[in-house]
């Protein structure tokens, strides 16, 4: 299921990020495709990931991006083979 977006002009043309329930992933595929093509982002629910795991991941991301660039550069993936 996809949450309807705001009408153009409601928020300076910026649309809401759709909320997609993937409990039935086959039924959600059209909404995922539309959100990916038209907006590029989506909120996903019905995935079975605990709130604690999501909170831990969010904390780890915040902590990582607060590191100085020279530390994060150690994790850079080179495209050279």
Protein backbone atom coordinates (compact mmCIF):
# COMPACT_ATOMS: atom_id res chain seq x y z
CA UNK A 1 0.00 0.00 0.00
CA UNK A 2 1.33 3.46 -0.86
CA UNK A 3 0.42 6.59 1.05
CA UNK A 4 -0.97 9.27 -1.27
CA UNK A 5 1.34 12.20 -1.92
CA UNK A 6 0.46 15.84 -1.41
CA UNK A 7 -0.92 17.66 -4.40
CA UNK A 8 1.64 19.75 -6.23
CA UNK A 9 1.89 23.15 -4.60
CA UNK A 10 0.85 22.01 -1.13
CA UNK A 11 4.47 22.00 0.04
CA UNK A 12 6.25 23.94 -2.68
CA UNK A 13 5.91 20.92 -4.98
CA UNK A 14 7.69 18.58 -2.59
CA UNK A 15 5.83 15.30 -2.23
CA UNK A 16 5.55 13.14 0.85
CA UNK A 17 7.74 10.08 1.04
CA UNK A 18 5.44 7.08 0.52
CA UNK A 19 4.87 4.54 3.29
CA UNK A 20 4.91 0.99 1.92
CA UNK A 21 3.91 -2.11 3.88
CA UNK A 22 5.98 -5.04 2.63
CA UNK A 23 4.34 -7.71 4.81
CA UNK A 24 3.03 -9.06 1.48
CA UNK A 25 5.99 -8.19 -0.71
CA UNK A 26 4.35 -9.41 -3.92
CA UNK A 27 1.43 -7.03 -3.39
CA UNK A 28 3.85 -4.22 -2.49
CA UNK A 29 6.01 -4.52 -5.63
CA UNK A 30 4.00 -2.05 -7.75
CA UNK A 31 4.19 0.56 -4.97
CA UNK A 32 7.93 -0.06 -4.54
CA UNK A 33 8.45 0.38 -8.28
CA UNK A 34 6.42 3.59 -8.38
CA UNK A 35 8.17 5.08 -5.35
CA UNK A 36 11.59 4.13 -6.69
CA UNK A 37 10.91 5.59 -10.13
CA UNK A 38 8.97 8.73 -9.17
CA UNK A 39 10.45 9.76 -5.82
CA UNK A 40 13.56 7.69 -5.12
CA UNK A 41 12.72 7.12 -1.46
CA UNK A 42 10.16 5.26 0.61
CA UNK A 43 9.39 4.37 4.20
CA UNK A 44 9.06 0.62 4.64
CA UNK A 45 6.97 -1.10 7.32
CA UNK A 46 5.97 -4.71 7.79
CA UNK A 47 9.59 -5.85 7.43
CA UNK A 48 9.85 -7.57 10.81
CA UNK A 49 12.94 -5.66 11.98
CA UNK A 50 12.63 -4.78 15.66
CA UNK A 51 12.53 -1.18 16.86
CA UNK A 52 15.62 -1.94 18.96
CA UNK A 53 17.60 -3.06 15.91
CA UNK A 54 16.51 0.02 13.96
CA UNK A 55 17.49 2.26 16.86
CA UNK A 56 20.89 0.56 17.16
CA UNK A 57 21.52 0.97 13.43
CA UNK A 58 20.50 4.65 13.54
CA UNK A 59 22.88 5.25 16.47
CA UNK A 60 25.73 3.51 14.63
CA UNK A 61 25.16 5.65 11.52
CA UNK A 62 25.09 8.88 13.54
CA UNK A 63 28.28 7.86 15.35
CA UNK A 64 30.03 6.92 12.09
CA UNK A 65 29.18 10.14 10.27
CA UNK A 66 30.38 12.17 13.25
CA UNK A 67 33.88 10.74 12.77
CA UNK A 68 36.55 12.96 11.19
CA UNK A 69 36.96 12.59 7.41
CA UNK A 70 40.41 11.05 7.72
CA UNK A 71 38.95 8.18 9.76
CA UNK A 72 36.03 7.64 7.35
CA UNK A 73 38.46 7.74 4.40
CA UNK A 74 39.91 4.44 5.67
CA UNK A 75 36.58 2.86 4.73
CA UNK A 76 36.54 4.29 1.21
CA UNK A 77 35.94 1.66 -1.44
CA UNK A 78 38.10 2.12 -4.51
CA UNK A 79 36.53 1.49 -7.88
CA UNK A 80 39.93 0.46 -9.21
CA UNK A 81 40.43 -3.24 -9.67
